PDB file of all heavy atoms in Angstrom:
ATOM      1  N   ARG A   1       7.160   5.663 -25.160  1.00  0.00           N
ATOM      2  CA  ARG A   1       7.547   4.591 -26.088  1.00  0.00           C
ATOM      3  C   ARG A   1       8.169   3.440 -25.309  1.00  0.00           C
ATOM      4  O   ARG A   1       7.885   2.272 -25.548  1.00  0.00           O
ATOM      5  CB  ARG A   1       8.517   5.131 -27.133  1.00  0.00           C
ATOM      6  CG  ARG A   1       8.914   4.118 -28.184  1.00  0.00           C
ATOM      7  CD  ARG A   1       9.927   4.667 -29.197  1.00  0.00           C
ATOM      8  NE  ARG A   1       9.489   5.886 -29.837  1.00  0.00           N
ATOM      9  CZ  ARG A   1      10.085   7.067 -29.704  1.00  0.00           C
ATOM     10  NH1 ARG A   1      11.154   7.196 -28.953  1.00  0.00           N
ATOM     11  NH2 ARG A   1       9.631   8.130 -30.318  1.00  0.00           N
ATOM     12  N   VAL A   2       9.031   3.763 -24.363  1.00  0.00           N
ATOM     13  CA  VAL A   2       9.697   2.733 -23.560  1.00  0.00           C
ATOM     14  C   VAL A   2       8.715   2.093 -22.584  1.00  0.00           C
ATOM     15  O   VAL A   2       8.649   0.872 -22.463  1.00  0.00           O
ATOM     16  CB  VAL A   2      10.901   3.337 -22.800  1.00  0.00           C
ATOM     17  CG1 VAL A   2      11.470   2.342 -21.815  1.00  0.00           C
ATOM     18  CG2 VAL A   2      11.966   3.800 -23.778  1.00  0.00           C
ATOM     19  N   LEU A   3       7.938   2.913 -21.895  1.00  0.00           N
ATOM     20  CA  LEU A   3       7.049   2.395 -20.858  1.00  0.00           C
ATOM     21  C   LEU A   3       5.925   1.521 -21.387  1.00  0.00           C
ATOM     22  O   LEU A   3       5.555   0.532 -20.747  1.00  0.00           O
ATOM     23  CB  LEU A   3       6.435   3.550 -20.053  1.00  0.00           C
ATOM     24  CG  LEU A   3       7.391   4.333 -19.167  1.00  0.00           C
ATOM     25  CD1 LEU A   3       6.644   5.481 -18.485  1.00  0.00           C
ATOM     26  CD2 LEU A   3       8.041   3.437 -18.134  1.00  0.00           C
ATOM     27  N   ILE A   4       5.354   1.885 -22.535  1.00  0.00           N
ATOM     28  CA  ILE A   4       4.174   1.154 -22.993  1.00  0.00           C
ATOM     29  C   ILE A   4       4.446   0.155 -24.108  1.00  0.00           C
ATOM     30  O   ILE A   4       3.523  -0.490 -24.593  1.00  0.00           O
ATOM     31  CB  ILE A   4       3.028   2.102 -23.401  1.00  0.00           C
ATOM     32  CG1 ILE A   4       3.403   2.939 -24.613  1.00  0.00           C
ATOM     33  CG2 ILE A   4       2.604   2.972 -22.241  1.00  0.00           C
ATOM     34  CD1 ILE A   4       2.279   3.822 -25.131  1.00  0.00           C
ATOM     35  N   ALA A   5       5.711  -0.009 -24.480  1.00  0.00           N
ATOM     36  CA  ALA A   5       6.040  -1.032 -25.477  1.00  0.00           C
ATOM     37  C   ALA A   5       5.631  -2.390 -24.911  1.00  0.00           C
ATOM     38  O   ALA A   5       5.866  -2.678 -23.734  1.00  0.00           O
ATOM     39  CB  ALA A   5       7.527  -1.007 -25.792  1.00  0.00           C
ATOM     40  N   ASP A   6       4.998  -3.208 -25.727  1.00  0.00           N
ATOM     41  CA  ASP A   6       4.506  -4.510 -25.269  1.00  0.00           C
ATOM     42  C   ASP A   6       5.579  -5.318 -24.553  1.00  0.00           C
ATOM     43  O   ASP A   6       5.310  -5.919 -23.518  1.00  0.00           O
ATOM     44  CB  ASP A   6       3.933  -5.320 -26.435  1.00  0.00           C
ATOM     45  CG  ASP A   6       2.597  -4.790 -26.899  1.00  0.00           C
ATOM     46  OD1 ASP A   6       1.923  -4.091 -26.115  1.00  0.00           O
ATOM     47  OD2 ASP A   6       2.211  -5.067 -28.053  1.00  0.00           O
ATOM     48  N   LYS A   7       6.802  -5.312 -25.092  1.00  0.00           N
ATOM     49  CA  LYS A   7       7.863  -6.101 -24.471  1.00  0.00           C
ATOM     50  C   LYS A   7       8.317  -5.519 -23.123  1.00  0.00           C
ATOM     51  O   LYS A   7       8.883  -6.226 -22.303  1.00  0.00           O
ATOM     52  CB  LYS A   7       9.047  -6.243 -25.417  1.00  0.00           C
ATOM     53  CG  LYS A   7       9.773  -4.948 -25.696  1.00  0.00           C
ATOM     54  CD  LYS A   7      10.939  -5.153 -26.640  1.00  0.00           C
ATOM     55  CE  LYS A   7      11.646  -3.820 -26.855  1.00  0.00           C
ATOM     56  NZ  LYS A   7      12.790  -3.936 -27.701  1.00  0.00           N
ATOM     57  N   ASN A   8       8.057  -4.231 -22.881  1.00  0.00           N
ATOM     58  CA  ASN A   8       8.509  -3.581 -21.649  1.00  0.00           C
ATOM     59  C   ASN A   8       7.440  -3.487 -20.566  1.00  0.00           C
ATOM     60  O   ASN A   8       7.757  -3.185 -19.416  1.00  0.00           O
ATOM     61  CB  ASN A   8       9.024  -2.180 -21.953  1.00  0.00           C
ATOM     62  CG  ASN A   8      10.270  -2.195 -22.792  1.00  0.00           C
ATOM     63  OD1 ASN A   8      10.969  -3.191 -22.883  1.00  0.00           O
ATOM     64  ND2 ASN A   8      10.552  -1.082 -23.440  1.00  0.00           N
ATOM     65  N   LYS A   9       6.176  -3.691 -20.905  1.00  0.00           N
ATOM     66  CA  LYS A   9       5.101  -3.521 -19.918  1.00  0.00           C
ATOM     67  C   LYS A   9       5.329  -4.330 -18.647  1.00  0.00           C
ATOM     68  O   LYS A   9       5.196  -3.784 -17.550  1.00  0.00           O
ATOM     69  CB  LYS A   9       3.747  -3.854 -20.540  1.00  0.00           C
ATOM     70  CG  LYS A   9       3.194  -2.740 -21.378  1.00  0.00           C
ATOM     71  CD  LYS A   9       1.829  -3.094 -21.931  1.00  0.00           C
ATOM     72  CE  LYS A   9       1.355  -2.022 -22.891  1.00  0.00           C
ATOM     73  NZ  LYS A   9       0.086  -2.365 -23.511  1.00  0.00           N
ATOM     74  N   PRO A  10       5.679  -5.620 -18.739  1.00  0.00           N
ATOM     75  CA  PRO A  10       5.889  -6.369 -17.489  1.00  0.00           C
ATOM     76  C   PRO A  10       6.998  -5.763 -16.629  1.00  0.00           C
ATOM     77  O   PRO A  10       6.872  -5.712 -15.401  1.00  0.00           O
ATOM     78  CB  PRO A  10       6.286  -7.776 -17.963  1.00  0.00           C
ATOM     79  CG  PRO A  10       5.802  -7.872 -19.359  1.00  0.00           C
ATOM     80  CD  PRO A  10       5.821  -6.481 -19.914  1.00  0.00           C
ATOM     81  N   TYR A  11       8.066  -5.286 -17.270  1.00  0.00           N
ATOM     82  CA  TYR A  11       9.176  -4.686 -16.523  1.00  0.00           C
ATOM     83  C   TYR A  11       8.764  -3.356 -15.900  1.00  0.00           C
ATOM     84  O   TYR A  11       9.145  -3.056 -14.767  1.00  0.00           O
ATOM     85  CB  TYR A  11      10.394  -4.490 -17.433  1.00  0.00           C
ATOM     86  CG  TYR A  11      10.877  -5.771 -18.062  1.00  0.00           C
ATOM     87  CD1 TYR A  11      10.775  -5.985 -19.431  1.00  0.00           C
ATOM     88  CD2 TYR A  11      11.414  -6.797 -17.286  1.00  0.00           C
ATOM     89  CE1 TYR A  11      11.206  -7.167 -20.011  1.00  0.00           C
ATOM     90  CE2 TYR A  11      11.839  -7.981 -17.851  1.00  0.00           C
ATOM     91  CZ  TYR A  11      11.737  -8.161 -19.217  1.00  0.00           C
ATOM     92  OH  TYR A  11      12.153  -9.335 -19.781  1.00  0.00           O
ATOM     93  N   SER A  12       7.992  -2.565 -16.641  1.00  0.00           N
ATOM     94  CA  SER A  12       7.529  -1.276 -16.114  1.00  0.00           C
ATOM     95  C   SER A  12       6.648  -1.492 -14.894  1.00  0.00           C
ATOM     96  O   SER A  12       6.831  -0.843 -13.856  1.00  0.00           O
ATOM     97  CB  SER A  12       6.737  -0.516 -17.184  1.00  0.00           C
ATOM     98  OG  SER A  12       7.549  -0.212 -18.282  1.00  0.00           O
ATOM     99  N   ILE A  13       5.708  -2.417 -15.017  1.00  0.00           N
ATOM    100  CA  ILE A  13       4.800  -2.695 -13.908  1.00  0.00           C
ATOM    101  C   ILE A  13       5.561  -3.262 -12.716  1.00  0.00           C
ATOM    102  O   ILE A  13       5.364  -2.828 -11.573  1.00  0.00           O
ATOM    103  CB  ILE A  13       3.669  -3.652 -14.360  1.00  0.00           C
ATOM    104  CG1 ILE A  13       2.775  -2.934 -15.380  1.00  0.00           C
ATOM    105  CG2 ILE A  13       2.860  -4.151 -13.179  1.00  0.00           C
ATOM    106  CD1 ILE A  13       1.812  -3.840 -16.115  1.00  0.00           C
ATOM    107  N   ALA A  14       6.449  -4.218 -12.973  1.00  0.00           N
ATOM    108  CA  ALA A  14       7.227  -4.827 -11.891  1.00  0.00           C
ATOM    109  C   ALA A  14       8.115  -3.790 -11.198  1.00  0.00           C
ATOM    110  O   ALA A  14       8.208  -3.782  -9.959  1.00  0.00           O
ATOM    111  CB  ALA A  14       8.076  -5.973 -12.433  1.00  0.00           C
ATOM    112  N   SER A  15       8.741  -2.911 -11.979  1.00  0.00           N
ATOM    113  CA  SER A  15       9.616  -1.887 -11.392  1.00  0.00           C
ATOM    114  C   SER A  15       8.842  -0.965 -10.462  1.00  0.00           C
ATOM    115  O   SER A  15       9.288  -0.683  -9.345  1.00  0.00           O
ATOM    116  CB  SER A  15      10.276  -1.055 -12.497  1.00  0.00           C
ATOM    117  OG  SER A  15      11.089  -1.854 -13.294  1.00  0.00           O
ATOM    118  N   VAL A  16       7.686  -0.510 -10.911  1.00  0.00           N
ATOM    119  CA  VAL A  16       6.876   0.375 -10.079  1.00  0.00           C
ATOM    120  C   VAL A  16       6.404  -0.360  -8.828  1.00  0.00           C
ATOM    121  O   VAL A  16       6.431   0.183  -7.720  1.00  0.00           O
ATOM    122  CB  VAL A  16       5.683   0.948 -10.883  1.00  0.00           C
ATOM    123  CG1 VAL A  16       4.717   1.682  -9.969  1.00  0.00           C
ATOM    124  CG2 VAL A  16       6.192   1.878 -11.966  1.00  0.00           C
ATOM    125  N   ALA A  17       5.988  -1.611  -8.986  1.00  0.00           N
ATOM    126  CA  ALA A  17       5.528  -2.397  -7.834  1.00  0.00           C
ATOM    127  C   ALA A  17       6.664  -2.596  -6.829  1.00  0.00           C
ATOM    128  O   ALA A  17       6.465  -2.417  -5.620  1.00  0.00           O
ATOM    129  CB  ALA A  17       4.991  -3.748  -8.304  1.00  0.00           C
ATOM    130  N   ILE A  18       7.851  -2.930  -7.315  1.00  0.00           N
ATOM    131  CA  ILE A  18       8.992  -3.142  -6.415  1.00  0.00           C
ATOM    132  C   ILE A  18       9.358  -1.848  -5.695  1.00  0.00           C
ATOM    133  O   ILE A  18       9.589  -1.850  -4.483  1.00  0.00           O
ATOM    134  CB  ILE A  18      10.204  -3.706  -7.202  1.00  0.00           C
ATOM    135  CG1 ILE A  18       9.916  -5.152  -7.610  1.00  0.00           C
ATOM    136  CG2 ILE A  18      11.487  -3.605  -6.392  1.00  0.00           C
ATOM    137  CD1 ILE A  18      10.894  -5.716  -8.625  1.00  0.00           C
ATOM    138  N   ILE A  19       9.385  -0.747  -6.430  1.00  0.00           N
ATOM    139  CA  ILE A  19       9.706   0.537  -5.796  1.00  0.00           C
ATOM    140  C   ILE A  19       8.646   0.899  -4.761  1.00  0.00           C
ATOM    141  O   ILE A  19       8.966   1.359  -3.660  1.00  0.00           O
ATOM    142  CB  ILE A  19       9.851   1.652  -6.857  1.00  0.00           C
ATOM    143  CG1 ILE A  19      11.112   1.409  -7.690  1.00  0.00           C
ATOM    144  CG2 ILE A  19       9.897   3.032  -6.217  1.00  0.00           C
ATOM    145  CD1 ILE A  19      11.218   2.270  -8.925  1.00  0.00           C
ATOM    146  N   GLY A  20       7.381   0.691  -5.105  1.00  0.00           N
ATOM    147  CA  GLY A  20       6.296   0.986  -4.160  1.00  0.00           C
ATOM    148  C   GLY A  20       6.385   0.135  -2.904  1.00  0.00           C
ATOM    149  O   GLY A  20       6.260   0.638  -1.778  1.00  0.00           O
ATOM    150  N   ILE A  21       6.622  -1.151  -3.073  1.00  0.00           N
ATOM    151  CA  ILE A  21       6.734  -2.061  -1.916  1.00  0.00           C
ATOM    152  C   ILE A  21       7.953  -1.701  -1.075  1.00  0.00           C
ATOM    153  O   ILE A  21       7.867  -1.648   0.159  1.00  0.00           O
ATOM    154  CB  ILE A  21       6.797  -3.533  -2.395  1.00  0.00           C
ATOM    155  CG1 ILE A  21       5.440  -3.941  -2.975  1.00  0.00           C
ATOM    156  CG2 ILE A  21       7.212  -4.464  -1.265  1.00  0.00           C
ATOM    157  CD1 ILE A  21       5.448  -5.253  -3.743  1.00  0.00           C
ATOM    158  N   ALA A  22       9.072  -1.433  -1.734  1.00  0.00           N
ATOM    159  CA  ALA A  22      10.285  -1.045  -1.001  1.00  0.00           C
ATOM    160  C   ALA A  22      10.050   0.239  -0.216  1.00  0.00           C
ATOM    161  O   ALA A  22      10.490   0.365   0.932  1.00  0.00           O
ATOM    162  CB  ALA A  22      11.450  -0.878  -1.970  1.00  0.00           C
ATOM    163  N   SER A  23       9.332   1.186  -0.811  1.00  0.00           N
ATOM    164  CA  SER A  23       9.024   2.443  -0.132  1.00  0.00           C
ATOM    165  C   SER A  23       8.184   2.202   1.122  1.00  0.00           C
ATOM    166  O   SER A  23       8.467   2.768   2.186  1.00  0.00           O
ATOM    167  CB  SER A  23       8.299   3.388  -1.087  1.00  0.00           C
ATOM    168  OG  SER A  23       7.989   4.593  -0.453  1.00  0.00           O
ATOM    169  N   VAL A  24       7.185   1.348   1.000  1.00  0.00           N
ATOM    170  CA  VAL A  24       6.334   1.029   2.155  1.00  0.00           C
ATOM    171  C   VAL A  24       7.149   0.335   3.239  1.00  0.00           C
ATOM    172  O   VAL A  24       7.040   0.664   4.426  1.00  0.00           O
ATOM    173  CB  VAL A  24       5.130   0.149   1.715  1.00  0.00           C
ATOM    174  CG1 VAL A  24       4.407  -0.414   2.916  1.00  0.00           C
ATOM    175  CG2 VAL A  24       4.182   0.960   0.843  1.00  0.00           C
TER     176      VAL A  24
END
């Protein structure tokens, strides 16, 4: 519900991208 809510999608995607980039 939190991850796929329309208002949260940009934040979910950005969070995963930032974590992935930071990990690399």
